[in-house]
Amino acid sequence: MSRVCEITGKKFMVGNNVSHSKRRTKRRFDVNLFKKKFYMPEEDRWVSLRVSAAGLRMINKVGLSAALKGAKEKGFIANY
């Protein structure tokens, strides 16, 4: 399973490791992901999502159903 937030669509970024001698090698900056369960009272069920810290803040701000609706419109999730 890829490390992508299901709410915001965030995924890894690519950058450089820079040594003391300024030699650069490629590295990945991974997303701060959590596997969380959320309760949807409208449908009376639990939903399990892989969300980033920014995705958690978005769910807290706009609500779970609105966040899922926005993610589905943008194509980040398909089965909700």
N, C-alpha and C. Protein backbone atom coordinates (compact mmCIF):
# COMPACT_ATOMS: atom_id res chain seq x y z
N MET A 1 0.84 -1.17 0.00
CA MET A 1 0.00 0.00 0.00
C MET A 1 0.89 1.24 0.00
N SER A 2 0.56 2.18 -0.86
CA SER A 2 1.38 3.38 -0.96
C SER A 2 1.14 4.32 0.21
N ARG A 3 2.13 5.13 0.50
CA ARG A 3 2.05 6.06 1.62
C ARG A 3 1.48 7.38 1.12
N VAL A 4 0.15 7.40 0.92
CA VAL A 4 -0.56 8.57 0.43
C VAL A 4 -1.73 8.84 1.36
N CYS A 5 -1.94 10.11 1.72
CA CYS A 5 -3.08 10.49 2.55
C CYS A 5 -4.36 10.36 1.72
N GLU A 6 -5.38 9.73 2.30
CA GLU A 6 -6.62 9.52 1.57
C GLU A 6 -7.53 10.74 1.61
N ILE A 7 -7.22 11.74 2.41
CA ILE A 7 -8.03 12.95 2.48
C ILE A 7 -7.42 14.09 1.66
N THR A 8 -6.12 14.32 1.84
CA THR A 8 -5.48 15.45 1.16
C THR A 8 -4.72 15.05 -0.09
N GLY A 9 -4.40 13.77 -0.25
CA GLY A 9 -3.64 13.32 -1.41
C GLY A 9 -2.14 13.57 -1.29
N LYS A 10 -1.68 13.94 -0.10
CA LYS A 10 -0.25 14.20 0.08
C LYS A 10 0.53 12.90 -0.08
N LYS A 11 1.70 13.00 -0.74
CA LYS A 11 2.61 11.87 -0.85
C LYS A 11 4.03 12.35 -0.66
N PHE A 12 4.98 11.46 -0.78
CA PHE A 12 6.36 11.79 -0.44
C PHE A 12 6.92 12.87 -1.37
N MET A 13 7.93 13.57 -0.85
CA MET A 13 8.70 14.54 -1.65
C MET A 13 10.12 13.99 -1.79
N VAL A 14 10.83 14.45 -2.79
CA VAL A 14 12.20 14.01 -3.03
C VAL A 14 13.13 15.17 -2.76
N GLY A 15 14.23 14.87 -2.08
CA GLY A 15 15.22 15.89 -1.79
C GLY A 15 16.60 15.29 -1.76
N ASN A 16 17.51 15.98 -1.12
CA ASN A 16 18.90 15.53 -1.06
C ASN A 16 19.37 15.37 0.37
N ASN A 17 20.16 14.33 0.62
CA ASN A 17 21.00 14.26 1.80
C ASN A 17 22.26 15.04 1.47
N VAL A 18 22.66 15.96 2.31
CA VAL A 18 23.86 16.75 2.06
C VAL A 18 24.86 16.44 3.17
N SER A 19 26.00 15.89 2.77
CA SER A 19 27.02 15.53 3.74
C SER A 19 27.85 16.76 4.11
N HIS A 20 28.77 16.57 5.02
CA HIS A 20 29.64 17.67 5.45
C HIS A 20 30.49 18.19 4.29
N SER A 21 30.85 17.29 3.35
CA SER A 21 31.64 17.70 2.19
C SER A 21 30.76 18.21 1.05
N LYS A 22 29.47 18.44 1.33
CA LYS A 22 28.48 18.95 0.37
C LYS A 22 28.14 17.97 -0.75
N ARG A 23 28.46 16.69 -0.56
CA ARG A 23 28.08 15.67 -1.53
C ARG A 23 26.59 15.41 -1.37
N ARG A 24 25.85 15.36 -2.48
CA ARG A 24 24.40 15.22 -2.44
C ARG A 24 23.97 13.86 -2.97
N THR A 25 23.12 13.17 -2.19
CA THR A 25 22.52 11.92 -2.62
C THR A 25 21.01 12.05 -2.39
N LYS A 26 20.25 11.36 -3.22
CA LYS A 26 18.79 11.48 -3.17
C LYS A 26 18.21 10.82 -1.92
N ARG A 27 17.13 11.38 -1.43
CA ARG A 27 16.39 10.81 -0.29
C ARG A 27 14.93 11.15 -0.44
N ARG A 28 14.09 10.49 0.38
CA ARG A 28 12.66 10.73 0.37
C ARG A 28 12.23 11.37 1.68
N PHE A 29 11.33 12.32 1.59
CA PHE A 29 10.67 12.89 2.76
C PHE A 29 9.27 12.29 2.79
N ASP A 30 9.04 11.34 3.69
CA ASP A 30 7.75 10.66 3.76
C ASP A 30 6.70 11.52 4.47
N VAL A 31 5.45 11.20 4.22
CA VAL A 31 4.32 11.91 4.81
C VAL A 31 4.08 11.39 6.22
N ASN A 32 3.61 12.27 7.09
CA ASN A 32 3.31 11.91 8.47
C ASN A 32 1.92 11.26 8.51
N LEU A 33 1.86 9.94 8.25
CA LEU A 33 0.58 9.23 8.11
C LEU A 33 0.21 8.47 9.37
N PHE A 34 -1.10 8.39 9.61
CA PHE A 34 -1.67 7.62 10.70
C PHE A 34 -2.79 6.76 10.14
N LYS A 35 -2.94 5.55 10.69
CA LYS A 35 -4.10 4.73 10.35
C LYS A 35 -5.12 4.95 11.45
N LYS A 36 -6.24 5.58 11.12
CA LYS A 36 -7.24 5.98 12.11
C LYS A 36 -8.60 5.43 11.72
N LYS A 37 -9.42 5.17 12.74
CA LYS A 37 -10.81 4.79 12.54
C LYS A 37 -11.68 5.97 12.94
N PHE A 38 -12.65 6.30 12.12
CA PHE A 38 -13.59 7.38 12.38
C PHE A 38 -15.00 6.82 12.37
N TYR A 39 -15.84 7.35 13.25
CA TYR A 39 -17.24 6.91 13.30
C TYR A 39 -18.09 7.89 12.50
N MET A 40 -18.91 7.35 11.60
CA MET A 40 -19.84 8.16 10.80
C MET A 40 -21.24 7.94 11.34
N PRO A 41 -21.79 8.89 12.12
CA PRO A 41 -23.13 8.67 12.69
C PRO A 41 -24.23 8.69 11.63
N GLU A 42 -23.99 9.35 10.47
CA GLU A 42 -25.01 9.37 9.41
C GLU A 42 -25.27 7.97 8.86
N GLU A 43 -24.20 7.17 8.73
CA GLU A 43 -24.33 5.82 8.18
C GLU A 43 -24.22 4.75 9.26
N ASP A 44 -24.00 5.15 10.52
CA ASP A 44 -23.89 4.25 11.67
C ASP A 44 -22.84 3.17 11.42
N ARG A 45 -21.61 3.61 11.02
CA ARG A 45 -20.52 2.67 10.80
C ARG A 45 -19.18 3.35 11.04
N TRP A 46 -18.15 2.51 11.16
CA TRP A 46 -16.79 2.98 11.34
C TRP A 46 -16.08 2.97 10.00
N VAL A 47 -15.22 3.97 9.77
CA VAL A 47 -14.45 4.08 8.53
C VAL A 47 -12.98 4.12 8.91
N SER A 48 -12.18 3.28 8.28
CA SER A 48 -10.75 3.24 8.54
C SER A 48 -10.03 3.98 7.41
N LEU A 49 -9.20 4.97 7.76
CA LEU A 49 -8.50 5.78 6.78
C LEU A 49 -7.03 5.89 7.12
N ARG A 50 -6.21 6.09 6.09
CA ARG A 50 -4.81 6.47 6.28
C ARG A 50 -4.73 7.97 6.01
N VAL A 51 -4.57 8.74 7.07
CA VAL A 51 -4.61 10.20 6.93
C VAL A 51 -3.32 10.81 7.47
N SER A 52 -2.96 11.94 6.89
CA SER A 52 -1.80 12.70 7.37
C SER A 52 -2.25 13.60 8.51
N ALA A 53 -1.29 14.26 9.13
CA ALA A 53 -1.61 15.20 10.20
C ALA A 53 -2.45 16.34 9.65
N ALA A 54 -2.17 16.79 8.45
CA ALA A 54 -2.97 17.84 7.82
C ALA A 54 -4.39 17.33 7.53
N GLY A 55 -4.51 16.05 7.17
CA GLY A 55 -5.83 15.47 6.94
C GLY A 55 -6.65 15.39 8.21
N LEU A 56 -5.99 15.08 9.34
CA LEU A 56 -6.69 15.06 10.62
C LEU A 56 -7.22 16.45 10.97
N ARG A 57 -6.40 17.48 10.74
CA ARG A 57 -6.86 18.84 11.01
C ARG A 57 -8.03 19.22 10.12
N MET A 58 -7.99 18.76 8.86
CA MET A 58 -9.09 19.07 7.95
C MET A 58 -10.38 18.38 8.41
N ILE A 59 -10.29 17.14 8.86
CA ILE A 59 -11.46 16.42 9.36
C ILE A 59 -12.02 17.12 10.59
N ASN A 60 -11.14 17.58 11.48
CA ASN A 60 -11.60 18.31 12.66
C ASN A 60 -12.26 19.63 12.30
N LYS A 61 -11.79 20.26 11.23
CA LYS A 61 -12.30 21.58 10.86
C LYS A 61 -13.64 21.49 10.11
N VAL A 62 -13.72 20.65 9.07
CA VAL A 62 -14.91 20.63 8.23
C VAL A 62 -15.84 19.46 8.52
N GLY A 63 -15.37 18.45 9.24
CA GLY A 63 -16.18 17.27 9.52
C GLY A 63 -15.81 16.12 8.62
N LEU A 64 -16.12 14.91 9.06
CA LEU A 64 -15.72 13.71 8.34
C LEU A 64 -16.44 13.57 7.01
N SER A 65 -17.74 13.76 7.00
CA SER A 65 -18.49 13.55 5.75
C SER A 65 -18.10 14.57 4.69
N ALA A 66 -17.87 15.83 5.07
CA ALA A 66 -17.46 16.85 4.11
C ALA A 66 -16.05 16.57 3.59
N ALA A 67 -15.16 16.11 4.47
CA ALA A 67 -13.79 15.79 4.05
C ALA A 67 -13.78 14.60 3.09
N LEU A 68 -14.59 13.58 3.37
CA LEU A 68 -14.68 12.43 2.47
C LEU A 68 -15.28 12.82 1.13
N LYS A 69 -16.27 13.70 1.16
CA LYS A 69 -16.89 14.16 -0.09
C LYS A 69 -15.89 14.92 -0.94
N GLY A 70 -15.11 15.81 -0.31
CA GLY A 70 -14.09 16.57 -1.04
C GLY A 70 -13.00 15.68 -1.60
N ALA A 71 -12.59 14.65 -0.83
CA ALA A 71 -11.55 13.74 -1.29
C ALA A 71 -12.06 12.90 -2.46
N LYS A 72 -13.33 12.53 -2.43
CA LYS A 72 -13.88 11.75 -3.53
C LYS A 72 -13.99 12.59 -4.80
N GLU A 73 -14.36 13.87 -4.66
CA GLU A 73 -14.43 14.75 -5.83
C GLU A 73 -13.06 14.95 -6.48
N LYS A 74 -12.02 15.00 -5.65
CA LYS A 74 -10.67 15.21 -6.18
C LYS A 74 -10.03 13.90 -6.62
N GLY A 75 -10.66 12.76 -6.35
CA GLY A 75 -10.16 11.48 -6.82
C GLY A 75 -9.15 10.81 -5.91
N PHE A 76 -9.06 11.22 -4.64
CA PHE A 76 -8.12 10.61 -3.72
C PHE A 76 -8.62 9.28 -3.20
N ILE A 77 -9.93 9.11 -3.05
CA ILE A 77 -10.52 7.85 -2.61
C ILE A 77 -11.65 7.50 -3.56
N ALA A 78 -11.92 6.21 -3.70
CA ALA A 78 -12.95 5.79 -4.65
C ALA A 78 -14.07 5.00 -4.01
N ASN A 79 -13.85 4.44 -2.82
CA ASN A 79 -14.83 3.48 -2.29
C ASN A 79 -15.69 4.05 -1.16
N TYR A 80 -15.77 5.37 -0.95
CA TYR A 80 -16.58 5.92 0.12
C TYR A 80 -17.71 6.73 -0.45
